[in-house]
Each structure stands twice: as structure tokens, then as C-alpha cells.
Amino acid sequence: MKTVLFIYNFPHKKTQEFLLRMNLAGMGPALVLASPPITLNLPKAFLRDKYRHIDLIDPKEACSRLGVEYIEVAHNSEKVPAIIKEHDIELGVIAGARILKQHVIRAVPRSIINFHPGLIPDNRGLNAGKWAVKLDIPQAVAVHVIDEKIDMGGVLGNYIVPVYSYDTLPEINLRITELQNHLLVSTLTLFREGRENAREVTFEGGYHLPADEEVDREVVRCWGAYIKKWAVDKNGWRCKCSAFLEAALQGVLSCGVCGSRYILRKAASIEYLELMGE
């Protein structure tokens, strides 16, 4: 199964991790489409939610060393469908891209997979970590196949990211990135084996504009209560491993590695996992 990886043409943490992990797993992309940066007119904000990296690998150099064909092209260019067809691409993965247009999405025969840093559909858009705090919902990664709407399409899974009492927003964001990396290979395996099962999203709410200073002030105001509610160590919950829960029995899930138990709750339009006490 030939895969195309959509990336930015500049050093980027997610791009670097996805390239390396796919190749280490023997699932390297047949093609990389690298888009030049697009200037975003983002509102002014004062809370930093990501780490600043100083030694990322240039993606063109990485592809050259890995033996992956690298083409620099705007992702929504009219040239992209022909490039995808010429390379017999079946599946797409986003490791750095803005919103893809319909003619690009339709050019990929099976699907284009995205790993969004928040629950879908309740936490769509940029700065999902901040919005999770403001909305008092779990930090999460959603794996989904995209459509022309922002962070919509068919959801393959929502995965809860643990929060700790000593966390900062950049630490939470890093843990979210690590979970995206972890889910990448297992998700590609599902598609290779034809076992993917995407649940269509019908609820179209939950889209949030990029966080501005007003949102940042609300995050600061809510932070203490949010940590008190969601931090696994603050509440004496056990979270010793990164195993992911799949099977549920009467709404109760158990971790086969460390024995932690979870209960399935419902809030708004989404289901989430809440750690149970011992």
C-alpha cells in the first residue's frame, strides 16, 4: 500500500517524528509532498503552549537520507491530484498541513488520515489544549479520516491523554505529540489489514477559533480547578503505563498492563474515559 505524507517544507517536530517512525516500522511513505509555509493571521495570545525546538532535521535532507521521493508543492495546488495518480498512491497521512481542499482529498483513493490534538467533534481547531482547559474536557488525540470540513470526517478513535499536577501547557502538548507518534504505526497497520472502522461525525459544533488573550486569561483562571479534576496523580489514580484501552464491559474498562480501571462517561456529544479510584 503506497502512502503519501503531507508535510511542511521546513523543520517541524511532527514531520520529523512521522518520517522516522514510518520508516523504522517498515511503512515508509512512497512520496512526500512538502508545502511552503502559509502566513496565518492569528490573534495575539500570551500563553505559550508548545516547546521551542532548536535542532530539528530539514525534511528534504531527511527524505534524501531515507530514500523517500520529496516534491515541494503547495498542498492545494491543482498539480497534486496528478502527482498522486502518477505515483499510484492509495493512502495519505498528514504530518504537517493546513486545510486540504476537496480535489486533493478525492485524489487519494482510500483516505487521508489526520491525528488531531483534541477530542472530535467537541474540540476542533487550533490550540486544542487551551480549549480543553477552558471547556473542562479531557486532553486527547483524535485519529480521523478527513473531509473538506475542519477536523471532521470519520473518527477512528478518541484517545485520552493523562494530565499530571505538575504539568504546564507545553508539557501536555508534548505528551499529546508523543501519543500521536505512538498511534501512527498501529493506525497504518489497521489500514494495511483492511480493519479500519471510521465512525462518521454528524455533530458539527465544537469548532473553536484560535485562542486569543481572552481565552488565555480564561485558561489561567480555570487552570487550578482543571488540574484538580483531571490530574491522575492529584486524585490518587494509577497511570503507570501508556497502554491503551479498547474493550469495554458494561462501561468499565481495565488496563491489562498496570490494572488501572476506567469508566466510560458521556459529556456533551462525546464519550470520554474517567479513571476510577481503587
C-alpha atoms as a PDB file:
ATOM      1  CA  MET A   1       0.000   0.000   0.000  1.00  0.00           C
ATOM      2  CA  LYS A   2       1.659   3.210  -1.192  1.00  0.00           C
ATOM      3  CA  THR A   3       1.337   6.174   1.140  1.00  0.00           C
ATOM      4  CA  VAL A   4       1.845   9.910   0.669  1.00  0.00           C
ATOM      5  CA  LEU A   5       2.946  12.027   3.622  1.00  0.00           C
ATOM      6  CA  PHE A   6       1.768  15.648   3.643  1.00  0.00           C
ATOM      7  CA  ILE A   7       4.355  17.818   5.412  1.00  0.00           C
ATOM      8  CA  TYR A   8       5.696  21.370   5.649  1.00  0.00           C
ATOM      9  CA  ASN A   9       8.901  22.171   3.745  1.00  0.00           C
ATOM     10  CA  PHE A  10      10.633  23.461   6.878  1.00  0.00           C
ATOM     11  CA  PRO A  11      11.913  21.652  10.005  1.00  0.00           C
ATOM     12  CA  HIS A  12       8.912  20.561  12.069  1.00  0.00           C
ATOM     13  CA  LYS A  13       8.732  18.179  15.047  1.00  0.00           C
ATOM     14  CA  LYS A  14       5.696  16.156  13.917  1.00  0.00           C
ATOM     15  CA  THR A  15       7.036  15.857  10.365  1.00  0.00           C
ATOM     16  CA  GLN A  16      10.362  14.567  11.650  1.00  0.00           C
ATOM     17  CA  GLU A  17       8.815  12.027  14.034  1.00  0.00           C
ATOM     18  CA  PHE A  18       6.322  10.680  11.490  1.00  0.00           C
ATOM     19  CA  LEU A  19       9.007  10.237   8.825  1.00  0.00           C
ATOM     20  CA  LEU A  20      11.313   8.365  11.182  1.00  0.00           C
ATOM     21  CA  ARG A  21       8.647   6.184  12.772  1.00  0.00           C
ATOM     22  CA  MET A  22       7.076   5.143   9.480  1.00  0.00           C
ATOM     23  CA  ASN A  23      10.465   4.122   8.104  1.00  0.00           C
ATOM     24  CA  LEU A  24      11.551   2.309  11.276  1.00  0.00           C
ATOM     25  CA  ALA A  25       8.304   0.309  11.135  1.00  0.00           C
ATOM     26  CA  GLY A  26       8.894  -0.643   7.505  1.00  0.00           C
ATOM     27  CA  MET A  27       5.949   1.512   6.443  1.00  0.00           C
ATOM     28  CA  GLY A  28       7.856   4.431   4.937  1.00  0.00           C
ATOM     29  CA  PRO A  29       5.933   6.718   2.576  1.00  0.00           C
ATOM     30  CA  ALA A  30       6.366   6.296  -1.155  1.00  0.00           C
ATOM     31  CA  LEU A  31       6.057  10.041  -1.582  1.00  0.00           C
ATOM     32  CA  VAL A  32       6.372  13.206   0.498  1.00  0.00           C
ATOM     33  CA  LEU A  33       4.564  16.379  -0.561  1.00  0.00           C
ATOM     34  CA  ALA A  34       6.136  19.364   1.172  1.00  0.00           C
ATOM     35  CA  SER A  35       4.175  22.603   1.231  1.00  0.00           C
ATOM     36  CA  PRO A  36       5.727  26.039   1.693  1.00  0.00           C
ATOM     37  CA  PRO A  37       4.590  27.935   4.798  1.00  0.00           C
ATOM     38  CA  ILE A  38       1.320  29.830   4.729  1.00  0.00           C
ATOM     39  CA  THR A  39       1.053  33.054   6.704  1.00  0.00           C
ATOM     40  CA  LEU A  40      -1.745  32.815   9.254  1.00  0.00           C
ATOM     41  CA  ASN A  41      -3.394  35.908  10.670  1.00  0.00           C
ATOM     42  CA  LEU A  42      -3.562  34.566  14.232  1.00  0.00           C
ATOM     43  CA  PRO A  43      -4.819  36.630  17.160  1.00  0.00           C
ATOM     44  CA  LYS A  44      -2.445  37.877  19.831  1.00  0.00           C
ATOM     45  CA  ALA A  45      -2.021  35.475  22.754  1.00  0.00           C
ATOM     46  CA  PHE A  46       0.321  35.423  25.747  1.00  0.00           C
ATOM     47  CA  LEU A  47       0.253  31.788  26.905  1.00  0.00           C
ATOM     48  CA  ARG A  48       2.869  29.548  25.295  1.00  0.00           C
ATOM     49  CA  ASP A  49       1.517  26.038  24.643  1.00  0.00           C
ATOM     50  CA  LYS A  50       4.426  24.468  22.724  1.00  0.00           C
ATOM     51  CA  TYR A  51       8.137  23.955  23.266  1.00  0.00           C
ATOM     52  CA  ARG A  52      10.592  25.869  21.105  1.00  0.00           C
ATOM     53  CA  HIS A  53      12.895  23.418  19.331  1.00  0.00           C
ATOM     54  CA  ILE A  54      16.448  24.259  18.274  1.00  0.00           C
ATOM     55  CA  ASP A  55      17.758  21.205  16.381  1.00  0.00           C
ATOM     56  CA  LEU A  56      15.164  19.743  14.040  1.00  0.00           C
ATOM     57  CA  ILE A  57      16.155  17.988  10.814  1.00  0.00           C
ATOM     58  CA  ASP A  58      15.440  19.604   7.454  1.00  0.00           C
ATOM     59  CA  PRO A  59      12.727  17.409   5.846  1.00  0.00           C
ATOM     60  CA  LYS A  60      14.337  17.469   2.385  1.00  0.00           C
ATOM     61  CA  GLU A  61      17.600  16.180   3.847  1.00  0.00           C
ATOM     62  CA  ALA A  62      15.751  13.558   5.906  1.00  0.00           C
ATOM     63  CA  CYS A  63      13.898  12.267   2.827  1.00  0.00           C
ATOM     64  CA  SER A  64      17.147  12.130   0.842  1.00  0.00           C
ATOM     65  CA  ARG A  65      18.841  10.035   3.521  1.00  0.00           C
ATOM     66  CA  LEU A  66      15.790   7.770   3.878  1.00  0.00           C
ATOM     67  CA  GLY A  67      15.392   7.294   0.129  1.00  0.00           C
ATOM     68  CA  VAL A  68      11.908   8.847   0.011  1.00  0.00           C
ATOM     69  CA  GLU A  69      10.839  10.900  -3.003  1.00  0.00           C
ATOM     70  CA  TYR A  70      10.370  14.529  -1.959  1.00  0.00           C
ATOM     71  CA  ILE A  71       8.319  17.005  -4.003  1.00  0.00           C
ATOM     72  CA  GLU A  72       7.862  20.600  -2.923  1.00  0.00           C
ATOM     73  CA  VAL A  73       4.392  21.779  -3.888  1.00  0.00           C
ATOM     74  CA  ALA A  74       1.529  23.693  -2.321  1.00  0.00           C
ATOM     75  CA  HIS A  75      -0.788  21.038  -0.943  1.00  0.00           C
ATOM     76  CA  ASN A  76      -3.894  22.520  -2.562  1.00  0.00           C
ATOM     77  CA  SER A  77      -2.232  23.033  -5.933  1.00  0.00           C
ATOM     78  CA  GLU A  78      -4.109  21.747  -8.976  1.00  0.00           C
ATOM     79  CA  LYS A  79      -0.966  19.697  -9.723  1.00  0.00           C
ATOM     80  CA  VAL A  80      -1.365  17.478  -6.650  1.00  0.00           C
ATOM     81  CA  PRO A  81      -4.063  15.037  -7.936  1.00  0.00           C
ATOM     82  CA  ALA A  82      -1.934  14.224 -10.994  1.00  0.00           C
ATOM     83  CA  ILE A  83       1.159  13.688  -8.834  1.00  0.00           C
ATOM     84  CA  ILE A  84      -0.780  11.334  -6.546  1.00  0.00           C
ATOM     85  CA  LYS A  85      -2.136   9.363  -9.505  1.00  0.00           C
ATOM     86  CA  GLU A  86       1.283   9.162 -11.183  1.00  0.00           C
ATOM     87  CA  HIS A  87       2.758   7.581  -8.020  1.00  0.00           C
ATOM     88  CA  ASP A  88      -0.135   5.099  -7.529  1.00  0.00           C
ATOM     89  CA  ILE A  89      -0.842   6.463  -4.051  1.00  0.00           C
ATOM     90  CA  GLU A  90      -3.590   4.726  -2.063  1.00  0.00           C
ATOM     91  CA  LEU A  91      -3.450   6.368   1.388  1.00  0.00           C
ATOM     92  CA  GLY A  92      -2.465   9.744   2.791  1.00  0.00           C
ATOM     93  CA  VAL A  93      -1.138  10.811   6.192  1.00  0.00           C
ATOM     94  CA  ILE A  94      -0.929  14.379   7.464  1.00  0.00           C
ATOM     95  CA  ALA A  95       2.246  15.262   9.335  1.00  0.00           C
ATOM     96  CA  GLY A  96       2.013  18.999   8.704  1.00  0.00           C
ATOM     97  CA  ALA A  97      -0.623  20.710   6.581  1.00  0.00           C
ATOM     98  CA  ARG A  98      -3.328  23.332   6.541  1.00  0.00           C
ATOM     99  CA  ILE A  99      -6.895  22.512   5.473  1.00  0.00           C
ATOM    100  CA  LEU A 100      -6.831  20.333   2.345  1.00  0.00           C
ATOM    101  CA  LYS A 101      -9.363  21.075  -0.370  1.00  0.00           C
ATOM    102  CA  GLN A 102     -11.810  18.587  -1.809  1.00  0.00           C
ATOM    103  CA  HIS A 103      -9.949  17.985  -5.099  1.00  0.00           C
ATOM    104  CA  VAL A 104      -6.902  16.831  -3.114  1.00  0.00           C
ATOM    105  CA  ILE A 105      -8.901  14.679  -0.687  1.00  0.00           C
ATOM    106  CA  ARG A 106     -10.734  12.952  -3.534  1.00  0.00           C
ATOM    107  CA  ALA A 107      -7.466  12.230  -5.351  1.00  0.00           C
ATOM    108  CA  VAL A 108      -6.379   9.783  -2.626  1.00  0.00           C
ATOM    109  CA  PRO A 109      -8.339   6.546  -3.269  1.00  0.00           C
ATOM    110  CA  ARG A 110      -8.732   5.262   0.290  1.00  0.00           C
ATOM    111  CA  SER A 111      -8.418   8.060   2.851  1.00  0.00           C
ATOM    112  CA  ILE A 112      -6.211  10.759   4.275  1.00  0.00           C
ATOM    113  CA  ILE A 113      -5.526  10.234   7.990  1.00  0.00           C
ATOM    114  CA  ASN A 114      -5.051  13.057  10.482  1.00  0.00           C
ATOM    115  CA  PHE A 115      -4.027  12.974  14.145  1.00  0.00           C
ATOM    116  CA  HIS A 116      -5.771  15.889  15.835  1.00  0.00           C
ATOM    117  CA  PRO A 117      -4.651  17.075  19.309  1.00  0.00           C
ATOM    118  CA  GLY A 118      -8.138  17.135  20.851  1.00  0.00           C
ATOM    119  CA  LEU A 119     -11.461  15.349  21.055  1.00  0.00           C
ATOM    120  CA  ILE A 120     -13.536  15.246  17.873  1.00  0.00           C
ATOM    121  CA  PRO A 121     -16.071  16.688  17.450  1.00  0.00           C
ATOM    122  CA  ASP A 122     -16.041  18.737  20.678  1.00  0.00           C
ATOM    123  CA  ASN A 123     -12.595  20.281  20.398  1.00  0.00           C
ATOM    124  CA  ARG A 124     -11.851  21.105  16.782  1.00  0.00           C
ATOM    125  CA  GLY A 125      -9.453  23.744  15.501  1.00  0.00           C
ATOM    126  CA  LEU A 126      -6.140  25.193  16.684  1.00  0.00           C
ATOM    127  CA  ASN A 127      -4.943  25.468  20.300  1.00  0.00           C
ATOM    128  CA  ALA A 128      -6.999  22.439  21.332  1.00  0.00           C
ATOM    129  CA  GLY A 129      -5.028  22.078  24.571  1.00  0.00           C
ATOM    130  CA  LYS A 130      -6.063  25.530  25.727  1.00  0.00           C
ATOM    131  CA  TRP A 131      -9.660  24.967  24.688  1.00  0.00           C
ATOM    132  CA  ALA A 132      -9.771  21.673  26.599  1.00  0.00           C
ATOM    133  CA  VAL A 133      -8.917  23.591  29.768  1.00  0.00           C
ATOM    134  CA  LYS A 134     -11.465  26.312  29.053  1.00  0.00           C
ATOM    135  CA  LEU A 135     -14.200  23.777  28.251  1.00  0.00           C
ATOM    136  CA  ASP A 136     -13.229  21.442  31.136  1.00  0.00           C
ATOM    137  CA  ILE A 137     -12.901  18.369  28.914  1.00  0.00           C
ATOM    138  CA  PRO A 138     -10.060  15.792  28.666  1.00  0.00           C
ATOM    139  CA  GLN A 139      -6.848  16.359  26.762  1.00  0.00           C
ATOM    140  CA  ALA A 140      -6.871  13.906  23.880  1.00  0.00           C
ATOM    141  CA  VAL A 141      -5.779  12.773  20.443  1.00  0.00           C
ATOM    142  CA  ALA A 142      -8.409  12.019  17.808  1.00  0.00           C
ATOM    143  CA  VAL A 143      -7.479   9.828  14.836  1.00  0.00           C
ATOM    144  CA  HIS A 144      -9.749  10.534  11.891  1.00  0.00           C
ATOM    145  CA  VAL A 145     -10.052  10.407   8.117  1.00  0.00           C
ATOM    146  CA  ILE A 146     -10.530  13.912   6.814  1.00  0.00           C
ATOM    147  CA  ASP A 147     -13.183  15.532   4.704  1.00  0.00           C
ATOM    148  CA  GLU A 148     -13.417  19.138   3.497  1.00  0.00           C
ATOM    149  CA  LYS A 149     -14.572  20.393   6.920  1.00  0.00           C
ATOM    150  CA  ILE A 150     -12.145  21.378   9.677  1.00  0.00           C
ATOM    151  CA  ASP A 151     -11.224  18.388  11.881  1.00  0.00           C
ATOM    152  CA  MET A 152     -14.255  16.376  10.796  1.00  0.00           C
ATOM    153  CA  GLY A 153     -14.751  13.224   8.720  1.00  0.00           C
ATOM    154  CA  GLY A 154     -14.803   9.701  10.124  1.00  0.00           C
ATOM    155  CA  VAL A 155     -13.356   9.189  13.606  1.00  0.00           C
ATOM    156  CA  LEU A 156     -11.251   6.064  14.119  1.00  0.00           C
ATOM    157  CA  GLY A 157     -10.756   6.752  17.812  1.00  0.00           C
ATOM    158  CA  ASN A 158     -10.546   9.358  20.585  1.00  0.00           C
ATOM    159  CA  TYR A 159      -7.667   8.645  22.993  1.00  0.00           C
ATOM    160  CA  ILE A 160      -7.367  10.356  26.372  1.00  0.00           C
ATOM    161  CA  VAL A 161      -4.010  11.913  27.296  1.00  0.00           C
ATOM    162  CA  PRO A 162      -3.160  11.828  31.019  1.00  0.00           C
ATOM    163  CA  VAL A 163      -2.597  15.120  32.855  1.00  0.00           C
ATOM    164  CA  TYR A 164      -0.430  15.494  35.973  1.00  0.00           C
ATOM    165  CA  SER A 165      -0.494  18.017  38.813  1.00  0.00           C
ATOM    166  CA  TYR A 166       2.918  19.438  37.865  1.00  0.00           C
ATOM    167  CA  ASP A 167       2.081  19.895  34.164  1.00  0.00           C
ATOM    168  CA  THR A 168       2.351  23.033  32.086  1.00  0.00           C
ATOM    169  CA  LEU A 169       0.638  23.558  28.729  1.00  0.00           C
ATOM    170  CA  PRO A 170       3.846  22.776  26.758  1.00  0.00           C
ATOM    171  CA  GLU A 171       4.281  19.520  28.714  1.00  0.00           C
ATOM    172  CA  ILE A 172       0.719  18.470  27.912  1.00  0.00           C
ATOM    173  CA  ASN A 173       1.265  19.364  24.263  1.00  0.00           C
ATOM    174  CA  LEU A 174       4.443  17.255  24.171  1.00  0.00           C
ATOM    175  CA  ARG A 175       2.573  14.271  25.650  1.00  0.00           C
ATOM    176  CA  ILE A 176      -0.151  14.742  23.025  1.00  0.00           C
ATOM    177  CA  THR A 177       2.529  14.721  20.305  1.00  0.00           C
ATOM    178  CA  GLU A 178       4.022  11.532  21.746  1.00  0.00           C
ATOM    179  CA  LEU A 179       0.626   9.843  21.691  1.00  0.00           C
ATOM    180  CA  GLN A 180       0.146  10.874  18.056  1.00  0.00           C
ATOM    181  CA  ASN A 181       3.502   9.269  17.274  1.00  0.00           C
ATOM    182  CA  HIS A 182       2.507   6.120  19.164  1.00  0.00           C
ATOM    183  CA  LEU A 183      -0.796   5.798  17.319  1.00  0.00           C
ATOM    184  CA  LEU A 184       0.701   6.332  13.864  1.00  0.00           C
ATOM    185  CA  VAL A 185       2.021   2.815  13.205  1.00  0.00           C
ATOM    186  CA  SER A 186      -0.954   0.995  14.746  1.00  0.00           C
ATOM    187  CA  THR A 187      -3.326   3.102  12.627  1.00  0.00           C
ATOM    188  CA  LEU A 188      -1.400   2.373   9.437  1.00  0.00           C
ATOM    189  CA  THR A 189      -1.478  -1.321  10.330  1.00  0.00           C
ATOM    190  CA  LEU A 190      -5.290  -1.199  10.534  1.00  0.00           C
ATOM    191  CA  PHE A 191      -5.447   0.234   7.012  1.00  0.00           C
ATOM    192  CA  ARG A 192      -2.925  -2.253   5.636  1.00  0.00           C
ATOM    193  CA  GLU A 193      -5.002  -5.116   7.037  1.00  0.00           C
ATOM    194  CA  GLY A 194      -8.326  -3.584   5.963  1.00  0.00           C
ATOM    195  CA  ARG A 195      -9.561  -3.376   9.555  1.00  0.00           C
ATOM    196  CA  GLU A 196     -10.169   0.371   9.784  1.00  0.00           C
ATOM    197  CA  ASN A 197     -13.617   1.341  11.030  1.00  0.00           C
ATOM    198  CA  ALA A 198     -14.317   5.057  10.986  1.00  0.00           C
ATOM    199  CA  ARG A 199     -17.373   6.455  12.766  1.00  0.00           C
ATOM    200  CA  GLU A 200     -18.977   9.304  10.857  1.00  0.00           C
ATOM    201  CA  VAL A 201     -19.178  12.591  12.755  1.00  0.00           C
ATOM    202  CA  THR A 202     -22.620  14.138  12.457  1.00  0.00           C
ATOM    203  CA  PHE A 203     -22.347  16.767  15.224  1.00  0.00           C
ATOM    204  CA  GLU A 204     -20.874  19.863  13.572  1.00  0.00           C
ATOM    205  CA  GLY A 205     -20.387  22.000  16.688  1.00  0.00           C
ATOM    206  CA  GLY A 206     -17.186  22.090  18.654  1.00  0.00           C
ATOM    207  CA  TYR A 207     -15.118  24.211  16.283  1.00  0.00           C
ATOM    208  CA  HIS A 208     -13.151  26.916  18.102  1.00  0.00           C
ATOM    209  CA  LEU A 209     -11.243  29.868  16.731  1.00  0.00           C
ATOM    210  CA  PRO A 210      -7.527  30.166  17.544  1.00  0.00           C
ATOM    211  CA  ALA A 211      -7.011  31.184  21.165  1.00  0.00           C
ATOM    212  CA  ASP A 212      -6.628  34.897  21.845  1.00  0.00           C
ATOM    213  CA  GLU A 213      -5.758  36.818  25.016  1.00  0.00           C
ATOM    214  CA  GLU A 214      -9.305  36.450  26.336  1.00  0.00           C
ATOM    215  CA  VAL A 215      -9.114  32.654  26.005  1.00  0.00           C
ATOM    216  CA  ASP A 216      -5.659  32.706  27.619  1.00  0.00           C
ATOM    217  CA  ARG A 217      -6.997  34.641  30.612  1.00  0.00           C
ATOM    218  CA  GLU A 218      -9.782  32.082  30.978  1.00  0.00           C
ATOM    219  CA  VAL A 219      -7.242  29.235  30.844  1.00  0.00           C
ATOM    220  CA  VAL A 220      -5.252  30.880  33.640  1.00  0.00           C
ATOM    221  CA  ARG A 221      -8.431  31.324  35.689  1.00  0.00           C
ATOM    222  CA  CYS A 222      -9.520  27.700  35.180  1.00  0.00           C
ATOM    223  CA  TRP A 223      -6.118  26.031  35.472  1.00  0.00           C
ATOM    224  CA  GLY A 224      -6.190  25.142  39.175  1.00  0.00           C
ATOM    225  CA  ALA A 225      -9.674  23.594  39.019  1.00  0.00           C
ATOM    226  CA  TYR A 226      -8.822  21.785  35.776  1.00  0.00           C
ATOM    227  CA  ILE A 227      -5.692  20.185  37.241  1.00  0.00           C
ATOM    228  CA  LYS A 228      -7.534  19.262  40.424  1.00  0.00           C
ATOM    229  CA  LYS A 229     -10.195  17.460  38.400  1.00  0.00           C
ATOM    230  CA  TRP A 230      -8.117  15.788  35.671  1.00  0.00           C
ATOM    231  CA  ALA A 231      -4.622  15.202  37.112  1.00  0.00           C
ATOM    232  CA  VAL A 232      -4.196  11.463  37.582  1.00  0.00           C
ATOM    233  CA  ASP A 233      -1.658  11.798  40.417  1.00  0.00           C
ATOM    234  CA  LYS A 234      -3.642  14.530  42.197  1.00  0.00           C
ATOM    235  CA  ASN A 235      -6.584  12.196  42.576  1.00  0.00           C
ATOM    236  CA  GLY A 236      -4.573   9.140  43.571  1.00  0.00           C
ATOM    237  CA  TRP A 237      -5.393   7.368  40.287  1.00  0.00           C
ATOM    238  CA  ARG A 238      -2.859   4.920  38.914  1.00  0.00           C
ATOM    239  CA  CYS A 239      -1.404   5.669  35.492  1.00  0.00           C
ATOM    240  CA  LYS A 240       1.896   3.801  35.271  1.00  0.00           C
ATOM    241  CA  CYS A 241       1.925   2.844  31.594  1.00  0.00           C
ATOM    242  CA  SER A 242       0.947   4.023  28.129  1.00  0.00           C
ATOM    243  CA  ALA A 243      -1.259   1.056  27.278  1.00  0.00           C
ATOM    244  CA  PHE A 244      -4.482   1.986  25.505  1.00  0.00           C
ATOM    245  CA  LEU A 245      -7.889   0.624  26.370  1.00  0.00           C
ATOM    246  CA  GLU A 246     -10.030  -0.922  23.673  1.00  0.00           C
ATOM    247  CA  ALA A 247     -12.616  -3.318  25.111  1.00  0.00           C
ATOM    248  CA  ALA A 248     -15.436  -2.246  27.402  1.00  0.00           C
ATOM    249  CA  LEU A 249     -17.685  -4.397  29.596  1.00  0.00           C
ATOM    250  CA  GLN A 250     -20.769  -2.620  30.964  1.00  0.00           C
ATOM    251  CA  GLY A 251     -18.960   0.698  30.599  1.00  0.00           C
ATOM    252  CA  VAL A 252     -15.942  -0.354  32.684  1.00  0.00           C
ATOM    253  CA  LEU A 253     -12.502  -0.734  31.086  1.00  0.00           C
ATOM    254  CA  SER A 254      -9.378  -2.263  32.650  1.00  0.00           C
ATOM    255  CA  CYS A 255      -5.731  -1.797  31.742  1.00  0.00           C
ATOM    256  CA  GLY A 256      -4.094  -5.145  31.103  1.00  0.00           C
ATOM    257  CA  VAL A 257      -0.662  -3.765  31.975  1.00  0.00           C
ATOM    258  CA  CYS A 258      -0.978  -1.909  35.276  1.00  0.00           C
ATOM    259  CA  GLY A 259      -4.506  -2.906  36.322  1.00  0.00           C
ATOM    260  CA  SER A 260      -5.993   0.600  36.343  1.00  0.00           C
ATOM    261  CA  ARG A 261      -9.739   0.714  35.754  1.00  0.00           C
ATOM    262  CA  TYR A 262     -11.698   3.299  33.825  1.00  0.00           C
ATOM    263  CA  ILE A 263     -15.358   4.114  33.496  1.00  0.00           C
ATOM    264  CA  LEU A 264     -16.950   5.410  30.323  1.00  0.00           C
ATOM    265  CA  ARG A 265     -18.736   8.726  30.827  1.00  0.00           C
ATOM    266  CA  LYS A 266     -20.684  10.937  28.473  1.00  0.00           C
ATOM    267  CA  ALA A 267     -20.386  14.709  28.293  1.00  0.00           C
ATOM    268  CA  ALA A 268     -21.937  16.886  25.619  1.00  0.00           C
ATOM    269  CA  SER A 269     -21.719  14.907  22.377  1.00  0.00           C
ATOM    270  CA  ILE A 270     -18.646  12.814  23.196  1.00  0.00           C
ATOM    271  CA  GLU A 271     -17.724   9.859  25.319  1.00  0.00           C
ATOM    272  CA  TYR A 272     -14.589  10.001  27.424  1.00  0.00           C
ATOM    273  CA  LEU A 273     -12.726   7.843  29.911  1.00  0.00           C
ATOM    274  CA  GLU A 274     -12.577   8.707  33.607  1.00  0.00           C
ATOM    275  CA  LEU A 275     -10.143   6.906  35.877  1.00  0.00           C
ATOM    276  CA  MET A 276     -11.816   5.037  38.729  1.00  0.00           C
ATOM    277  CA  GLY A 277     -10.413   5.016  42.250  1.00  0.00           C
ATOM    278  CA  GLU A 278      -9.059   1.823  43.703  1.00  0.00           C
END
